[in-house]
PDB file of all heavy atoms in Angstrom:
ATOM      1  N   ARG A   1      98.608 100.318 107.732  1.00  0.00           N
ATOM      2  CA  ARG A   1      99.272 100.447 106.440  1.00  0.00           C
ATOM      3  C   ARG A   1     100.607 101.266 106.545  1.00  0.00           C
ATOM      4  O   ARG A   1     101.523 101.091 105.714  1.00  0.00           O
ATOM      5  CB  ARG A   1      98.396 101.145 105.441  1.00  0.00           C
ATOM      6  CG  ARG A   1      97.187 100.313 105.018  1.00  0.00           C
ATOM      7  CD  ARG A   1      96.374 101.073 103.973  1.00  0.00           C
ATOM      8  NE  ARG A   1      95.240 100.346 103.464  1.00  0.00           N
ATOM      9  CZ  ARG A   1      93.999 100.330 104.000  1.00  0.00           C
ATOM     10  NH1 ARG A   1      93.787 101.147 105.061  1.00  0.00           N
ATOM     11  NH2 ARG A   1      93.094  99.601 103.504  1.00  0.00           N
ATOM     12  N   TYR A   2     100.694 102.178 107.545  1.00  0.00           N
ATOM     13  CA  TYR A   2     101.789 103.135 107.486  1.00  0.00           C
ATOM     14  C   TYR A   2     102.592 103.159 108.815  1.00  0.00           C
ATOM     15  O   TYR A   2     102.053 102.858 109.863  1.00  0.00           O
ATOM     16  CB  TYR A   2     101.255 104.527 107.223  1.00  0.00           C
ATOM     17  CG  TYR A   2     100.405 104.605 105.939  1.00  0.00           C
ATOM     18  CD1 TYR A   2      99.042 104.726 106.018  1.00  0.00           C
ATOM     19  CD2 TYR A   2     101.019 104.481 104.693  1.00  0.00           C
ATOM     20  CE1 TYR A   2      98.266 104.738 104.872  1.00  0.00           C
ATOM     21  CE2 TYR A   2     100.245 104.543 103.512  1.00  0.00           C
ATOM     22  CZ  TYR A   2      98.876 104.654 103.646  1.00  0.00           C
ATOM     23  OH  TYR A   2      98.130 104.704 102.508  1.00  0.00           O
ATOM     24  N   SER A   3     103.799 103.604 108.718  1.00  0.00           N
ATOM     25  CA  SER A   3     104.724 103.641 109.860  1.00  0.00           C
ATOM     26  C   SER A   3     104.852 105.056 110.427  1.00  0.00           C
ATOM     27  O   SER A   3     104.488 106.014 109.749  1.00  0.00           O
ATOM     28  CB  SER A   3     106.114 103.134 109.437  1.00  0.00           C
ATOM     29  OG  SER A   3     106.703 104.064 108.553  1.00  0.00           O
ATOM     30  N   ARG A   4     105.387 105.131 111.623  1.00  0.00           N
ATOM     31  CA  ARG A   4     105.682 106.415 112.205  1.00  0.00           C
ATOM     32  C   ARG A   4     106.716 107.154 111.323  1.00  0.00           C
ATOM     33  O   ARG A   4     106.623 108.403 111.170  1.00  0.00           O
ATOM     34  CB  ARG A   4     106.301 106.220 113.625  1.00  0.00           C
ATOM     35  CG  ARG A   4     105.276 105.701 114.635  1.00  0.00           C
ATOM     36  CD  ARG A   4     105.994 105.400 115.930  1.00  0.00           C
ATOM     37  NE  ARG A   4     105.013 105.029 117.037  1.00  0.00           N
ATOM     38  CZ  ARG A   4     105.398 104.738 118.285  1.00  0.00           C
ATOM     39  NH1 ARG A   4     106.701 104.751 118.595  1.00  0.00           N
ATOM     40  NH2 ARG A   4     104.468 104.406 119.149  1.00  0.00           N
ATOM     41  N   SER A   5     107.622 106.431 110.758  1.00  0.00           N
ATOM     42  CA  SER A   5     108.624 107.048 109.875  1.00  0.00           C
ATOM     43  C   SER A   5     107.976 107.755 108.679  1.00  0.00           C
ATOM     44  O   SER A   5     108.274 108.894 108.394  1.00  0.00           O
ATOM     45  CB  SER A   5     109.640 105.998 109.386  1.00  0.00           C
ATOM     46  OG  SER A   5     110.521 106.553 108.471  1.00  0.00           O
ATOM     47  N   PHE A   6     107.036 107.030 108.037  1.00  0.00           N
ATOM     48  CA  PHE A   6     106.361 107.644 106.892  1.00  0.00           C
ATOM     49  C   PHE A   6     105.551 108.844 107.276  1.00  0.00           C
ATOM     50  O   PHE A   6     105.564 109.926 106.625  1.00  0.00           O
ATOM     51  CB  PHE A   6     105.450 106.573 106.246  1.00  0.00           C
ATOM     52  CG  PHE A   6     104.674 107.088 105.118  1.00  0.00           C
ATOM     53  CD1 PHE A   6     105.292 107.496 103.939  1.00  0.00           C
ATOM     54  CD2 PHE A   6     103.275 107.117 105.115  1.00  0.00           C
ATOM     55  CE1 PHE A   6     104.560 107.979 102.862  1.00  0.00           C
ATOM     56  CE2 PHE A   6     102.514 107.564 104.062  1.00  0.00           C
ATOM     57  CZ  PHE A   6     103.162 107.986 102.894  1.00  0.00           C
ATOM     58  N   LEU A   7     104.847 108.822 108.437  1.00  0.00           N
ATOM     59  CA  LEU A   7     104.052 109.910 108.877  1.00  0.00           C
ATOM     60  C   LEU A   7     104.920 111.094 109.285  1.00  0.00           C
ATOM     61  O   LEU A   7     104.600 112.220 109.055  1.00  0.00           O
ATOM     62  CB  LEU A   7     103.152 109.456 110.004  1.00  0.00           C
ATOM     63  CG  LEU A   7     102.023 108.543 109.579  1.00  0.00           C
ATOM     64  CD1 LEU A   7     101.422 107.794 110.773  1.00  0.00           C
ATOM     65  CD2 LEU A   7     100.965 109.215 108.789  1.00  0.00           C
ATOM     66  N   HIS A   8     106.092 110.804 109.896  1.00  0.00           N
ATOM     67  CA  HIS A   8     107.059 111.828 110.240  1.00  0.00           C
ATOM     68  C   HIS A   8     107.488 112.546 108.961  1.00  0.00           C
ATOM     69  O   HIS A   8     107.537 113.793 108.917  1.00  0.00           O
ATOM     70  CB  HIS A   8     108.264 111.216 110.938  1.00  0.00           C
ATOM     71  CG  HIS A   8     109.417 112.136 111.116  1.00  0.00           C
ATOM     72  ND1 HIS A   8     109.515 112.972 112.208  1.00  0.00           N
ATOM     73  CD2 HIS A   8     110.528 112.328 110.370  1.00  0.00           C
ATOM     74  CE1 HIS A   8     110.620 113.634 112.123  1.00  0.00           C
ATOM     75  NE2 HIS A   8     111.273 113.314 111.045  1.00  0.00           N
ATOM     76  N   HIS A   9     107.768 111.736 107.928  1.00  0.00           N
ATOM     77  CA  HIS A   9     108.182 112.377 106.616  1.00  0.00           C
ATOM     78  C   HIS A   9     107.065 113.274 106.072  1.00  0.00           C
ATOM     79  O   HIS A   9     107.352 114.381 105.653  1.00  0.00           O
ATOM     80  CB  HIS A   9     108.501 111.221 105.657  1.00  0.00           C
ATOM     81  CG  HIS A   9     108.564 111.696 104.235  1.00  0.00           C
ATOM     82  ND1 HIS A   9     109.615 112.434 103.720  1.00  0.00           N
ATOM     83  CD2 HIS A   9     107.724 111.484 103.163  1.00  0.00           C
ATOM     84  CE1 HIS A   9     109.427 112.707 102.456  1.00  0.00           C
ATOM     85  NE2 HIS A   9     108.257 112.124 102.091  1.00  0.00           N
ATOM     86  N   LEU A  10     105.814 112.757 106.047  1.00  0.00           N
ATOM     87  CA  LEU A  10     104.745 113.547 105.513  1.00  0.00           C
ATOM     88  C   LEU A  10     104.524 114.851 106.276  1.00  0.00           C
ATOM     89  O   LEU A  10     104.269 115.885 105.729  1.00  0.00           O
ATOM     90  CB  LEU A  10     103.406 112.754 105.548  1.00  0.00           C
ATOM     91  CG  LEU A  10     103.316 111.576 104.617  1.00  0.00           C
ATOM     92  CD1 LEU A  10     101.930 110.890 104.777  1.00  0.00           C
ATOM     93  CD2 LEU A  10     103.521 111.921 103.138  1.00  0.00           C
ATOM     94  N   PHE A  11     104.664 114.731 107.639  1.00  0.00           N
ATOM     95  CA  PHE A  11     104.480 115.944 108.428  1.00  0.00           C
ATOM     96  C   PHE A  11     105.581 117.016 108.093  1.00  0.00           C
ATOM     97  O   PHE A  11     105.259 118.208 107.968  1.00  0.00           O
ATOM     98  CB  PHE A  11     104.550 115.601 109.942  1.00  0.00           C
ATOM     99  CG  PHE A  11     104.272 116.772 110.829  1.00  0.00           C
ATOM    100  CD1 PHE A  11     102.996 117.188 111.075  1.00  0.00           C
ATOM    101  CD2 PHE A  11     105.304 117.462 111.448  1.00  0.00           C
ATOM    102  CE1 PHE A  11     102.717 118.268 111.927  1.00  0.00           C
ATOM    103  CE2 PHE A  11     105.086 118.574 112.267  1.00  0.00           C
ATOM    104  CZ  PHE A  11     103.772 118.921 112.541  1.00  0.00           C
ATOM    105  N   LYS A  12     106.789 116.540 107.944  1.00  0.00           N
ATOM    106  CA  LYS A  12     107.895 117.468 107.645  1.00  0.00           C
ATOM    107  C   LYS A  12     107.684 118.109 106.285  1.00  0.00           C
ATOM    108  O   LYS A  12     108.103 119.241 106.052  1.00  0.00           O
ATOM    109  CB  LYS A  12     109.238 116.694 107.662  1.00  0.00           C
ATOM    110  CG  LYS A  12     109.695 116.346 109.076  1.00  0.00           C
ATOM    111  CD  LYS A  12     110.068 117.537 109.863  1.00  0.00           C
ATOM    112  CE  LYS A  12     110.677 117.227 111.193  1.00  0.00           C
ATOM    113  NZ  LYS A  12     111.070 118.419 111.990  1.00  0.00           N
ATOM    114  N   GLN A  13     107.025 117.379 105.358  1.00  0.00           N
ATOM    115  CA  GLN A  13     106.784 117.873 104.010  1.00  0.00           C
ATOM    116  C   GLN A  13     105.504 118.724 103.992  1.00  0.00           C
ATOM    117  O   GLN A  13     105.121 119.237 102.901  1.00  0.00           O
ATOM    118  CB  GLN A  13     106.651 116.765 103.018  1.00  0.00           C
ATOM    119  CG  GLN A  13     107.895 115.893 102.872  1.00  0.00           C
ATOM    120  CD  GLN A  13     109.102 116.696 102.511  1.00  0.00           C
ATOM    121  OE1 GLN A  13     109.050 117.527 101.616  1.00  0.00           O
ATOM    122  NE2 GLN A  13     110.230 116.522 103.214  1.00  0.00           N
ATOM    123  N   LYS A  14     104.845 118.909 105.136  1.00  0.00           N
ATOM    124  CA  LYS A  14     103.615 119.662 105.191  1.00  0.00           C
ATOM    125  C   LYS A  14     102.567 119.070 104.184  1.00  0.00           C
ATOM    126  O   LYS A  14     101.805 119.836 103.546  1.00  0.00           O
ATOM    127  CB  LYS A  14     103.766 121.153 104.963  1.00  0.00           C
ATOM    128  CG  LYS A  14     104.640 121.812 106.026  1.00  0.00           C
ATOM    129  CD  LYS A  14     104.835 123.303 105.737  1.00  0.00           C
ATOM    130  CE  LYS A  14     105.510 124.006 106.884  1.00  0.00           C
ATOM    131  NZ  LYS A  14     106.840 123.517 107.181  1.00  0.00           N
ATOM    132  N   SER A  15     102.476 117.795 104.120  1.00  0.00           N
ATOM    133  CA  SER A  15     101.603 117.124 103.162  1.00  0.00           C
ATOM    134  C   SER A  15     100.177 117.072 103.715  1.00  0.00           C
ATOM    135  O   SER A  15      99.944 116.777 104.857  1.00  0.00           O
ATOM    136  CB  SER A  15     102.126 115.718 102.944  1.00  0.00           C
ATOM    137  OG  SER A  15     101.114 114.921 102.260  1.00  0.00           O
ATOM    138  N   ASN A  16      99.222 117.321 102.820  1.00  0.00           N
ATOM    139  CA  ASN A  16      97.814 117.202 103.158  1.00  0.00           C
ATOM    140  C   ASN A  16      97.459 115.770 103.485  1.00  0.00           C
ATOM    141  O   ASN A  16      96.509 115.561 104.297  1.00  0.00           O
ATOM    142  CB  ASN A  16      96.935 117.705 102.012  1.00  0.00           C
ATOM    143  CG  ASN A  16      96.995 119.210 101.869  1.00  0.00           C
ATOM    144  OD1 ASN A  16      97.247 119.916 102.785  1.00  0.00           O
ATOM    145  ND2 ASN A  16      96.676 119.696 100.631  1.00  0.00           N
ATOM    146  N   LEU A  17      98.185 114.825 102.886  1.00  0.00           N
ATOM    147  CA  LEU A  17      97.932 113.446 103.199  1.00  0.00           C
ATOM    148  C   LEU A  17      98.202 113.131 104.682  1.00  0.00           C
ATOM    149  O   LEU A  17      97.460 112.322 105.284  1.00  0.00           O
ATOM    150  CB  LEU A  17      98.834 112.527 102.288  1.00  0.00           C
ATOM    151  CG  LEU A  17      98.699 111.020 102.547  1.00  0.00           C
ATOM    152  CD1 LEU A  17      97.292 110.577 102.305  1.00  0.00           C
ATOM    153  CD2 LEU A  17      99.703 110.259 101.648  1.00  0.00           C
ATOM    154  N   PHE A  18      99.130 113.823 105.279  1.00  0.00           N
ATOM    155  CA  PHE A  18      99.425 113.550 106.704  1.00  0.00           C
ATOM    156  C   PHE A  18      98.200 113.886 107.522  1.00  0.00           C
ATOM    157  O   PHE A  18      97.844 113.098 108.393  1.00  0.00           O
ATOM    158  CB  PHE A  18     100.616 114.396 107.213  1.00  0.00           C
ATOM    159  CG  PHE A  18     100.696 114.342 108.680  1.00  0.00           C
ATOM    160  CD1 PHE A  18     101.296 113.291 109.312  1.00  0.00           C
ATOM    161  CD2 PHE A  18     100.154 115.375 109.471  1.00  0.00           C
ATOM    162  CE1 PHE A  18     101.344 113.196 110.658  1.00  0.00           C
ATOM    163  CE2 PHE A  18     100.175 115.290 110.864  1.00  0.00           C
ATOM    164  CZ  PHE A  18     100.782 114.196 111.477  1.00  0.00           C
ATOM    165  N   THR A  19      97.618 115.051 107.306  1.00  0.00           N
ATOM    166  CA  THR A  19      96.478 115.425 108.195  1.00  0.00           C
ATOM    167  C   THR A  19      95.324 114.469 108.000  1.00  0.00           C
ATOM    168  O   THR A  19      94.628 114.201 109.014  1.00  0.00           O
ATOM    169  CB  THR A  19      96.054 116.863 107.888  1.00  0.00           C
ATOM    170  OG1 THR A  19      95.751 116.998 106.475  1.00  0.00           O
ATOM    171  CG2 THR A  19      97.121 117.865 108.218  1.00  0.00           C
ATOM    172  N   ALA A  20      95.123 113.967 106.801  1.00  0.00           N
ATOM    173  CA  ALA A  20      94.049 113.001 106.612  1.00  0.00           C
ATOM    174  C   ALA A  20      94.332 111.700 107.353  1.00  0.00           C
ATOM    175  O   ALA A  20      93.464 111.142 108.075  1.00  0.00           O
ATOM    176  CB  ALA A  20      93.886 112.692 105.125  1.00  0.00           C
ATOM    177  N   LEU A  21      95.564 111.145 107.225  1.00  0.00           N
ATOM    178  CA  LEU A  21      95.880 109.866 107.875  1.00  0.00           C
ATOM    179  C   LEU A  21      95.907 109.990 109.384  1.00  0.00           C
ATOM    180  O   LEU A  21      95.455 109.139 110.146  1.00  0.00           O
ATOM    181  CB  LEU A  21      97.214 109.405 107.365  1.00  0.00           C
ATOM    182  CG  LEU A  21      97.297 109.029 105.869  1.00  0.00           C
ATOM    183  CD1 LEU A  21      98.742 108.624 105.538  1.00  0.00           C
ATOM    184  CD2 LEU A  21      96.349 107.855 105.567  1.00  0.00           C
ATOM    185  N   ALA A  22      96.415 111.171 109.889  1.00  0.00           N
ATOM    186  CA  ALA A  22      96.460 111.392 111.307  1.00  0.00           C
ATOM    187  C   ALA A  22      95.084 111.554 111.892  1.00  0.00           C
ATOM    188  O   ALA A  22      94.776 111.056 112.970  1.00  0.00           O
ATOM    189  CB  ALA A  22      97.296 112.661 111.606  1.00  0.00           C
ATOM    190  N   SER A  23      94.169 112.242 111.184  1.00  0.00           N
ATOM    191  CA  SER A  23      92.809 112.404 111.700  1.00  0.00           C
ATOM    192  C   SER A  23      92.088 111.082 111.760  1.00  0.00           C
ATOM    193  O   SER A  23      91.340 110.804 112.686  1.00  0.00           O
ATOM    194  CB  SER A  23      92.049 113.383 110.748  1.00  0.00           C
ATOM    195  OG  SER A  23      92.574 114.652 110.787  1.00  0.00           O
ATOM    196  N   ILE A  24      92.265 110.228 110.739  1.00  0.00           N
ATOM    197  CA  ILE A  24      91.667 108.917 110.767  1.00  0.00           C
ATOM    198  C   ILE A  24      92.096 108.138 112.006  1.00  0.00           C
ATOM    199  O   ILE A  24      91.241 107.509 112.678  1.00  0.00           O
ATOM    200  CB  ILE A  24      92.047 108.054 109.484  1.00  0.00           C
ATOM    201  CG1 ILE A  24      91.329 108.641 108.264  1.00  0.00           C
ATOM    202  CG2 ILE A  24      91.771 106.543 109.663  1.00  0.00           C
ATOM    203  CD1 ILE A  24      91.802 108.098 106.931  1.00  0.00           C
ATOM    204  N   HIS A  25      93.378 108.204 112.339  1.00  0.00           N
ATOM    205  CA  HIS A  25      93.847 107.482 113.522  1.00  0.00           C
ATOM    206  C   HIS A  25      93.240 108.053 114.817  1.00  0.00           C
ATOM    207  O   HIS A  25      92.702 107.299 115.611  1.00  0.00           O
ATOM    208  CB  HIS A  25      95.413 107.583 113.634  1.00  0.00           C
ATOM    209  CG  HIS A  25      95.944 107.126 114.941  1.00  0.00           C
ATOM    210  ND1 HIS A  25      96.036 105.768 115.301  1.00  0.00           N
ATOM    211  CD2 HIS A  25      96.367 107.803 115.979  1.00  0.00           C
ATOM    212  CE1 HIS A  25      96.529 105.662 116.490  1.00  0.00           C
ATOM    213  NE2 HIS A  25      96.727 106.897 116.977  1.00  0.00           N
ATOM    214  N   ASN A  26      93.328 109.381 114.998  1.00  0.00           N
ATOM    215  CA  ASN A  26      92.842 109.935 116.261  1.00  0.00           C
ATOM    216  C   ASN A  26      91.321 109.714 116.465  1.00  0.00           C
ATOM    217  O   ASN A  26      90.903 109.410 117.579  1.00  0.00           O
ATOM    218  CB  ASN A  26      93.118 111.440 116.308  1.00  0.00           C
ATOM    219  CG  ASN A  26      94.606 111.723 116.718  1.00  0.00           C
ATOM    220  OD1 ASN A  26      95.326 110.813 116.980  1.00  0.00           O
ATOM    221  ND2 ASN A  26      94.919 113.022 116.735  1.00  0.00           N
ATOM    222  N   ILE A  27      90.557 109.860 115.406  1.00  0.00           N
ATOM    223  CA  ILE A  27      89.108 109.549 115.515  1.00  0.00           C
ATOM    224  C   ILE A  27      88.866 108.114 115.832  1.00  0.00           C
ATOM    225  O   ILE A  27      88.015 107.751 116.685  1.00  0.00           O
ATOM    226  CB  ILE A  27      88.422 109.996 114.219  1.00  0.00           C
ATOM    227  CG1 ILE A  27      88.396 111.552 114.073  1.00  0.00           C
ATOM    228  CG2 ILE A  27      86.959 109.515 114.200  1.00  0.00           C
ATOM    229  CD1 ILE A  27      87.546 112.312 115.090  1.00  0.00           C
ATOM    230  N   HIS A  28      89.556 107.213 115.158  1.00  0.00           N
ATOM    231  CA  HIS A  28      89.407 105.788 115.383  1.00  0.00           C
ATOM    232  C   HIS A  28      89.705 105.466 116.843  1.00  0.00           C
ATOM    233  O   HIS A  28      88.979 104.640 117.456  1.00  0.00           O
ATOM    234  CB  HIS A  28      90.340 104.983 114.477  1.00  0.00           C
ATOM    235  CG  HIS A  28      90.356 103.495 114.782  1.00  0.00           C
ATOM    236  ND1 HIS A  28      89.532 102.630 114.154  1.00  0.00           N
ATOM    237  CD2 HIS A  28      91.095 102.818 115.645  1.00  0.00           C
ATOM    238  CE1 HIS A  28      89.718 101.405 114.659  1.00  0.00           C
ATOM    239  NE2 HIS A  28      90.708 101.513 115.546  1.00  0.00           N
ATOM    240  N   VAL A  29      90.779 106.004 117.400  1.00  0.00           N
ATOM    241  CA  VAL A  29      91.111 105.638 118.775  1.00  0.00           C
ATOM    242  C   VAL A  29      89.967 105.988 119.757  1.00  0.00           C
ATOM    243  O   VAL A  29      89.641 105.169 120.605  1.00  0.00           O
ATOM    244  CB  VAL A  29      92.412 106.404 119.205  1.00  0.00           C
ATOM    245  CG1 VAL A  29      92.679 106.304 120.728  1.00  0.00           C
ATOM    246  CG2 VAL A  29      93.610 105.871 118.417  1.00  0.00           C
ATOM    247  N   LEU A  30      89.335 107.185 119.601  1.00  0.00           N
ATOM    248  CA  LEU A  30      88.294 107.518 120.517  1.00  0.00           C
ATOM    249  C   LEU A  30      87.053 106.604 120.296  1.00  0.00           C
ATOM    250  O   LEU A  30      86.422 106.220 121.276  1.00  0.00           O
ATOM    251  CB  LEU A  30      87.865 108.991 120.364  1.00  0.00           C
ATOM    252  CG  LEU A  30      88.957 110.027 120.690  1.00  0.00           C
ATOM    253  CD1 LEU A  30      88.376 111.404 120.737  1.00  0.00           C
ATOM    254  CD2 LEU A  30      89.651 109.686 121.983  1.00  0.00           C
ATOM    255  N   HIS A  31      86.780 106.271 119.052  1.00  0.00           N
ATOM    256  CA  HIS A  31      85.671 105.325 118.795  1.00  0.00           C
ATOM    257  C   HIS A  31      85.996 103.947 119.401  1.00  0.00           C
ATOM    258  O   HIS A  31      85.079 103.298 119.914  1.00  0.00           O
ATOM    259  CB  HIS A  31      85.388 105.209 117.313  1.00  0.00           C
ATOM    260  CG  HIS A  31      84.757 106.428 116.705  1.00  0.00           C
ATOM    261  ND1 HIS A  31      83.882 107.245 117.372  1.00  0.00           N
ATOM    262  CD2 HIS A  31      84.866 106.987 115.466  1.00  0.00           C
ATOM    263  CE1 HIS A  31      83.438 108.212 116.615  1.00  0.00           C
ATOM    264  NE2 HIS A  31      84.066 108.061 115.433  1.00  0.00           N
ATOM    265  N   ASP A  32      87.235 103.517 119.287  1.00  0.00           N
ATOM    266  CA  ASP A  32      87.576 102.200 119.786  1.00  0.00           C
ATOM    267  C   ASP A  32      87.473 102.213 121.338  1.00  0.00           C
ATOM    268  O   ASP A  32      87.072 101.202 121.942  1.00  0.00           O
ATOM    269  CB  ASP A  32      89.051 101.886 119.374  1.00  0.00           C
ATOM    270  CG  ASP A  32      89.431 100.451 119.735  1.00  0.00           C
ATOM    271  OD1 ASP A  32      88.732  99.540 119.255  1.00  0.00           O
ATOM    272  OD2 ASP A  32      90.394 100.281 120.467  1.00  0.00           O
ATOM    273  N   VAL A  33      87.908 103.306 121.977  1.00  0.00           N
ATOM    274  CA  VAL A  33      87.714 103.411 123.448  1.00  0.00           C
ATOM    275  C   VAL A  33      86.222 103.284 123.807  1.00  0.00           C
ATOM    276  O   VAL A  33      85.852 102.559 124.735  1.00  0.00           O
ATOM    277  CB  VAL A  33      88.281 104.729 123.965  1.00  0.00           C
ATOM    278  CG1 VAL A  33      87.878 104.981 125.432  1.00  0.00           C
ATOM    279  CG2 VAL A  33      89.806 104.725 123.840  1.00  0.00           C
ATOM    280  N   CYS A  34      85.350 103.931 123.022  1.00  0.00           N
ATOM    281  CA  CYS A  34      83.907 103.824 123.299  1.00  0.00           C
ATOM    282  C   CYS A  34      83.408 102.366 123.095  1.00  0.00           C
ATOM    283  O   CYS A  34      82.590 101.868 123.862  1.00  0.00           O
ATOM    284  CB  CYS A  34      83.144 104.750 122.377  1.00  0.00           C
ATOM    285  SG  CYS A  34      83.304 106.517 122.802  1.00  0.00           S
ATOM    286  N   ALA A  35      83.898 101.700 122.026  1.00  0.00           N
ATOM    287  CA  ALA A  35      83.481 100.355 121.751  1.00  0.00           C
ATOM    288  C   ALA A  35      83.885  99.437 122.863  1.00  0.00           C
ATOM    289  O   ALA A  35      83.074  98.533 123.318  1.00  0.00           O
ATOM    290  CB  ALA A  35      84.024  99.853 120.445  1.00  0.00           C
ATOM    291  N   LYS A  36      85.061  99.614 123.406  1.00  0.00           N
ATOM    292  CA  LYS A  36      85.543  98.774 124.517  1.00  0.00           C
ATOM    293  C   LYS A  36      84.810  99.129 125.831  1.00  0.00           C
ATOM    294  O   LYS A  36      84.599  98.192 126.629  1.00  0.00           O
ATOM    295  CB  LYS A  36      87.058  98.912 124.635  1.00  0.00           C
ATOM    296  CG  LYS A  36      87.832  98.223 123.503  1.00  0.00           C
ATOM    297  CD  LYS A  36      89.281  98.318 123.635  1.00  0.00           C
ATOM    298  CE  LYS A  36      90.044  97.406 122.649  1.00  0.00           C
ATOM    299  NZ  LYS A  36      89.770  97.649 121.222  1.00  0.00           N
TER     300      LYS A  36
END
């Protein structure tokens, strides 16, 4: 749903939404590695 640009913007704004979206990504990546 989201671009690097949008996440860069949220991080610069110290938005709580950034940490939620970033955590979803990082956790998903490790689970996907396990699935593969």
